[in-house]
PDB file of N, CA and C in Angstrom:
ATOM      1  N   MET A   1      -7.221 -23.973  -1.910  1.00  0.00           N
ATOM      2  CA  MET A   1      -6.731 -22.431  -1.957  1.00  0.00           C
ATOM      3  C   MET A   1      -7.649 -21.971  -1.592  1.00  0.00           C
ATOM      4  N   GLY A   2      -7.718 -20.860  -0.694  1.00  0.00           N
ATOM      5  CA  GLY A   2      -9.028 -20.157  -0.364  1.00  0.00           C
ATOM      6  C   GLY A   2      -8.896 -18.602  -1.076  1.00  0.00           C
ATOM      7  N   THR A   3      -9.952 -18.343  -0.386  1.00  0.00           N
ATOM      8  CA  THR A   3     -10.218 -16.793  -1.287  1.00  0.00           C
ATOM      9  C   THR A   3     -10.523 -15.796  -0.049  1.00  0.00           C
ATOM     10  N   TYR A   4     -10.320 -14.653  -0.146  1.00  0.00           N
ATOM     11  CA  TYR A   4     -10.967 -13.491   0.451  1.00  0.00           C
ATOM     12  C   TYR A   4     -12.105 -12.931  -0.077  1.00  0.00           C
ATOM     13  N   VAL A   5     -12.536 -11.716   0.731  1.00  0.00           N
ATOM     14  CA  VAL A   5     -13.655 -11.165  -0.007  1.00  0.00           C
ATOM     15  C   VAL A   5     -13.223  -9.436   0.473  1.00  0.00           C
ATOM     16  N   CYS A   6     -13.055  -8.745  -0.984  1.00  0.00           N
ATOM     17  CA  CYS A   6     -12.449  -7.490  -0.936  1.00  0.00           C
ATOM     18  C   CYS A   6     -13.119  -6.583   0.082  1.00  0.00           C
ATOM     19  N   ARG A   7     -12.571  -5.806   0.816  1.00  0.00           N
ATOM     20  CA  ARG A   7     -12.897  -5.095   1.663  1.00  0.00           C
ATOM     21  C   ARG A   7     -14.434  -3.675   0.617  1.00  0.00           C
ATOM     22  N   ASP A   8     -13.696  -3.436  -0.223  1.00  0.00           N
ATOM     23  CA  ASP A   8     -14.313  -2.324  -0.828  1.00  0.00           C
ATOM     24  C   ASP A   8     -15.474  -2.661  -1.709  1.00  0.00           C
ATOM     25  N   CYS A   9     -15.090  -3.570  -2.733  1.00  0.00           N
ATOM     26  CA  CYS A   9     -16.443  -4.194  -3.527  1.00  0.00           C
ATOM     27  C   CYS A   9     -16.953  -5.625  -3.399  1.00  0.00           C
ATOM     28  N   GLU A  10     -16.354  -6.288  -2.237  1.00  0.00           N
ATOM     29  CA  GLU A  10     -17.368  -7.117  -1.473  1.00  0.00           C
ATOM     30  C   GLU A  10     -17.204  -8.372  -2.526  1.00  0.00           C
ATOM     31  N   GLN A  11     -16.351  -8.546  -3.433  1.00  0.00           N
ATOM     32  CA  GLN A  11     -16.091  -9.920  -4.481  1.00  0.00           C
ATOM     33  C   GLN A  11     -15.109 -10.622  -3.684  1.00  0.00           C
ATOM     34  N   PRO A  12     -15.277 -11.779  -4.139  1.00  0.00           N
ATOM     35  CA  PRO A  12     -14.217 -13.035  -3.705  1.00  0.00           C
ATOM     36  C   PRO A  12     -12.847 -12.499  -4.448  1.00  0.00           C
ATOM     37  N   VAL A  13     -11.798 -13.208  -3.610  1.00  0.00           N
ATOM     38  CA  VAL A  13     -10.592 -12.591  -4.442  1.00  0.00           C
ATOM     39  C   VAL A  13      -9.688 -13.582  -4.269  1.00  0.00           C
ATOM     40  N   ASN A  14      -9.007 -14.721  -4.954  1.00  0.00           N
ATOM     41  CA  ASN A  14      -8.204 -15.494  -4.894  1.00  0.00           C
ATOM     42  C   ASN A  14      -6.802 -14.877  -4.193  1.00  0.00           C
ATOM     43  N   ARG A  15      -6.852 -15.826  -3.137  1.00  0.00           N
ATOM     44  CA  ARG A  15      -4.975 -15.469  -1.928  1.00  0.00           C
ATOM     45  C   ARG A  15      -3.997 -15.048  -2.887  1.00  0.00           C
ATOM     46  N   ALA A  16      -3.747 -15.664  -4.127  1.00  0.00           N
ATOM     47  CA  ALA A  16      -2.754 -15.101  -4.941  1.00  0.00           C
ATOM     48  C   ALA A  16      -2.630 -14.065  -5.236  1.00  0.00           C
ATOM     49  N   VAL A  17      -3.722 -13.233  -5.785  1.00  0.00           N
ATOM     50  CA  VAL A  17      -3.849 -11.872  -6.174  1.00  0.00           C
ATOM     51  C   VAL A  17      -4.102 -10.874  -5.191  1.00  0.00           C
ATOM     52  N   ALA A  18      -4.904 -11.423  -3.860  1.00  0.00           N
ATOM     53  CA  ALA A  18      -5.179 -10.442  -2.691  1.00  0.00           C
ATOM     54  C   ALA A  18      -4.131  -9.702  -2.160  1.00  0.00           C
ATOM     55  N   HIS A  19      -4.432  -8.261  -1.835  1.00  0.00           N
ATOM     56  CA  HIS A  19      -3.473  -7.363  -1.222  1.00  0.00           C
ATOM     57  C   HIS A  19      -4.248  -7.690   0.445  1.00  0.00           C
ATOM     58  N   VAL A  20      -3.367  -8.435   1.154  1.00  0.00           N
ATOM     59  CA  VAL A  20      -3.960  -8.120   2.823  1.00  0.00           C
ATOM     60  C   VAL A  20      -3.186  -7.336   3.513  1.00  0.00           C
ATOM     61  N   ARG A  21      -3.855  -6.317   4.176  1.00  0.00           N
ATOM     62  CA  ARG A  21      -3.268  -5.179   5.089  1.00  0.00           C
ATOM     63  C   ARG A  21      -3.973  -5.609   6.439  1.00  0.00           C
ATOM     64  N   SER A  22      -3.519  -5.233   7.632  1.00  0.00           N
ATOM     65  CA  SER A  22      -3.996  -4.808   8.705  1.00  0.00           C
ATOM     66  C   SER A  22      -4.592  -3.308   8.833  1.00  0.00           C
ATOM     67  N   VAL A  23      -5.684  -3.277   9.067  1.00  0.00           N
ATOM     68  CA  VAL A  23      -6.594  -1.946   9.379  1.00  0.00           C
ATOM     69  C   VAL A  23      -7.168  -2.240  10.840  1.00  0.00           C
ATOM     70  N   ASN A  24      -7.052  -0.907  11.624  1.00  0.00           N
ATOM     71  CA  ASN A  24      -7.334  -1.196  13.214  1.00  0.00           C
ATOM     72  C   ASN A  24      -7.403  -2.614  13.626  1.00  0.00           C
ATOM     73  N   PHE A  25      -6.078  -3.415  13.353  1.00  0.00           N
ATOM     74  CA  PHE A  25      -5.810  -4.556  14.066  1.00  0.00           C
ATOM     75  C   PHE A  25      -6.649  -5.477  13.549  1.00  0.00           C
ATOM     76  N   GLU A  26      -7.390  -5.405  12.379  1.00  0.00           N
ATOM     77  CA  GLU A  26      -8.096  -6.224  11.605  1.00  0.00           C
ATOM     78  C   GLU A  26      -7.542  -6.499  10.211  1.00  0.00           C
ATOM     79  N   GLN A  27      -7.358  -7.849   9.880  1.00  0.00           N
ATOM     80  CA  GLN A  27      -6.788  -8.289   8.537  1.00  0.00           C
ATOM     81  C   GLN A  27      -7.978  -7.841   7.384  1.00  0.00           C
ATOM     82  N   VAL A  28      -7.369  -7.090   6.363  1.00  0.00           N
ATOM     83  CA  VAL A  28      -8.600  -7.048   5.620  1.00  0.00           C
ATOM     84  C   VAL A  28      -7.820  -7.195   4.177  1.00  0.00           C
ATOM     85  N   ALA A  29      -8.643  -7.572   2.930  1.00  0.00           N
ATOM     86  CA  ALA A  29      -7.974  -7.692   1.748  1.00  0.00           C
ATOM     87  C   ALA A  29      -8.666  -7.067   0.686  1.00  0.00           C
ATOM     88  N   PHE A  30      -7.765  -6.767  -0.456  1.00  0.00           N
ATOM     89  CA  PHE A  30      -8.252  -5.631  -1.576  1.00  0.00           C
ATOM     90  C   PHE A  30      -8.375  -6.526  -2.891  1.00  0.00           C
ATOM     91  N   CYS A  31      -8.961  -6.598  -3.565  1.00  0.00           N
ATOM     92  CA  CYS A  31      -8.768  -6.972  -5.006  1.00  0.00           C
ATOM     93  C   CYS A  31      -7.705  -6.163  -5.591  1.00  0.00           C
ATOM     94  N   PRO A  32      -7.221  -6.617  -6.704  1.00  0.00           N
ATOM     95  CA  PRO A  32      -5.864  -5.907  -7.654  1.00  0.00           C
ATOM     96  C   PRO A  32      -6.757  -4.102  -7.930  1.00  0.00           C
ATOM     97  N   THR A  33      -7.861  -4.442  -8.230  1.00  0.00           N
ATOM     98  CA  THR A  33      -8.318  -3.172  -8.815  1.00  0.00           C
ATOM     99  C   THR A  33      -8.706  -2.065  -7.919  1.00  0.00           C
ATOM    100  N   CYS A  34      -9.129  -2.472  -6.776  1.00  0.00           N
ATOM    101  CA  CYS A  34      -9.642  -1.804  -5.697  1.00  0.00           C
ATOM    102  C   CYS A  34      -8.479  -1.173  -4.963  1.00  0.00           C
ATOM    103  N   TRP A  35      -7.419  -2.114  -4.696  1.00  0.00           N
ATOM    104  CA  TRP A  35      -6.309  -1.958  -4.341  1.00  0.00           C
ATOM    105  C   TRP A  35      -5.639  -0.865  -5.173  1.00  0.00           C
ATOM    106  N   ALA A  36      -5.635  -0.635  -6.535  1.00  0.00           N
ATOM    107  CA  ALA A  36      -4.764   0.139  -7.669  1.00  0.00           C
ATOM    108  C   ALA A  36      -5.175   1.445  -7.168  1.00  0.00           C
ATOM    109  N   ALA A  37      -6.928   1.385  -7.105  1.00  0.00           N
ATOM    110  CA  ALA A  37      -7.848   2.652  -6.779  1.00  0.00           C
ATOM    111  C   ALA A  37      -7.394   3.273  -5.496  1.00  0.00           C
ATOM    112  N   HIS A  38      -7.217   2.662  -4.403  1.00  0.00           N
ATOM    113  CA  HIS A  38      -6.849   3.144  -3.498  1.00  0.00           C
ATOM    114  C   HIS A  38      -5.586   3.493  -3.205  1.00  0.00           C
ATOM    115  N   ARG A  39      -4.440   2.906  -3.741  1.00  0.00           N
ATOM    116  CA  ARG A  39      -3.207   3.521  -3.805  1.00  0.00           C
ATOM    117  C   ARG A  39      -2.841   4.546  -4.490  1.00  0.00           C
ATOM    118  N   ALA A  40      -3.717   4.849  -5.598  1.00  0.00           N
ATOM    119  CA  ALA A  40      -3.883   6.279  -6.503  1.00  0.00           C
ATOM    120  C   ALA A  40      -4.002   7.628  -5.822  1.00  0.00           C
ATOM    121  N   SER A  41      -4.851   7.171  -4.788  1.00  0.00           N
ATOM    122  CA  SER A  41      -4.774   8.756  -3.970  1.00  0.00           C
ATOM    123  C   SER A  41      -3.777   9.142  -2.935  1.00  0.00           C
ATOM    124  N   LEU A  42      -2.560   8.271  -2.900  1.00  0.00           N
ATOM    125  CA  LEU A  42      -1.688   8.423  -1.901  1.00  0.00           C
ATOM    126  C   LEU A  42      -0.368   9.053  -2.627  1.00  0.00           C
ATOM    127  N   VAL A  43      -0.056  10.216  -1.959  1.00  0.00           N
ATOM    128  CA  VAL A  43       1.357  10.850  -2.657  1.00  0.00           C
ATOM    129  C   VAL A  43       2.855  10.736  -1.786  1.00  0.00           C
ATOM    130  N   VAL A  44       3.330  10.671  -2.461  1.00  0.00           N
ATOM    131  CA  VAL A  44       4.674  10.254  -2.273  1.00  0.00           C
ATOM    132  C   VAL A  44       5.403  11.207  -2.457  1.00  0.00           C
ATOM    133  N   PRO A  45       6.146  11.761  -1.247  1.00  0.00           N
ATOM    134  CA  PRO A  45       7.222  13.175  -1.188  1.00  0.00           C
ATOM    135  C   PRO A  45       8.164  12.951  -2.183  1.00  0.00           C
ATOM    136  N   GLU A  46       8.416  13.692  -2.415  1.00  0.00           N
ATOM    137  CA  GLU A  46       9.773  13.916  -3.638  1.00  0.00           C
ATOM    138  C   GLU A  46      11.089  13.626  -2.388  1.00  0.00           C
ATOM    139  N   PRO A  47      12.321  13.036  -2.171  1.00  0.00           N
ATOM    140  CA  PRO A  47      13.625  13.125  -1.551  1.00  0.00           C
ATOM    141  C   PRO A  47      14.191  14.350  -1.149  1.00  0.00           C
ATOM    142  N   ARG A  48      14.546  14.544  -0.155  1.00  0.00           N
ATOM    143  CA  ARG A  48      15.014  15.829   0.136  1.00  0.00           C
ATOM    144  C   ARG A  48      16.283  15.949  -0.457  1.00  0.00           C
ATOM    145  N   LEU A  49      16.622  17.368  -1.290  1.00  0.00           N
ATOM    146  CA  LEU A  49      18.642  17.479  -1.867  1.00  0.00           C
ATOM    147  C   LEU A  49      19.335  18.030  -0.780  1.00  0.00           C
ATOM    148  N   ALA A  50      19.996  17.713  -0.832  1.00  0.00           N
ATOM    149  CA  ALA A  50      21.317  18.414   0.235  1.00  0.00           C
ATOM    150  C   ALA A  50      21.543  19.823   0.151  1.00  0.00           C
ATOM    151  N   SER A  51      21.469  20.602   1.191  1.00  0.00           N
ATOM    152  CA  SER A  51      21.864  21.888   0.689  1.00  0.00           C
ATOM    153  C   SER A  51      23.337  22.158   0.641  1.00  0.00           C
ATOM    154  N   GLU A  52      23.349  23.190  -0.220  1.00  0.00           N
ATOM    155  CA  GLU A  52      24.688  23.581  -0.663  1.00  0.00           C
ATOM    156  C   GLU A  52      25.566  23.871   0.361  1.00  0.00           C
ATOM    157  N   GLY A  53      26.760  23.347   0.489  1.00  0.00           N
ATOM    158  CA  GLY A  53      27.524  23.896   1.403  1.00  0.00           C
ATOM    159  C   GLY A  53      27.765  22.680   2.684  1.00  0.00           C
ATOM    160  N   VAL A  54      26.545  21.637   2.715  1.00  0.00           N
ATOM    161  CA  VAL A  54      26.633  20.917   3.833  1.00  0.00           C
ATOM    162  C   VAL A  54      27.128  19.592   3.409  1.00  0.00           C
ATOM    163  N   ARG A  55      28.135  19.405   4.733  1.00  0.00           N
ATOM    164  CA  ARG A  55      28.752  18.298   4.104  1.00  0.00           C
ATOM    165  C   ARG A  55      28.155  16.671   4.793  1.00  0.00           C
ATOM    166  N   GLU A  56      27.901  15.805   4.101  1.00  0.00           N
ATOM    167  CA  GLU A  56      27.032  14.458   4.398  1.00  0.00           C
ATOM    168  C   GLU A  56      27.814  13.405   4.971  1.00  0.00           C
ATOM    169  N   GLU A  57      28.459  13.400   6.007  1.00  0.00           N
ATOM    170  CA  GLU A  57      29.462  12.329   6.542  1.00  0.00           C
ATOM    171  C   GLU A  57      28.521  12.144   7.964  1.00  0.00           C
ATOM    172  N   ALA A  58      29.105  10.847   8.052  1.00  0.00           N
ATOM    173  CA  ALA A  58      28.290  10.230   9.085  1.00  0.00           C
ATOM    174  C   ALA A  58      29.514  10.231  10.386  1.00  0.00           C
ATOM    175  N   TYR A  59      29.149  10.342  11.500  1.00  0.00           N
ATOM    176  CA  TYR A  59      30.120  10.497  12.583  1.00  0.00           C
ATOM    177  C   TYR A  59      29.809   9.236  13.460  1.00  0.00           C
TER     178      TYR A  59
END
């Protein structure tokens, strides 16, 4: 079983727990701790609510 190197902390990461992503067409890995810190700064917008009186039908 192989390992990756975390892009942020540069520590070895087991393949079973690594978060592997493509960044600028290059495969990079994050350890769970760095991945959680990276994801903490992301903001996900709330879903939009339907306007009053607008019918939501598929045509």
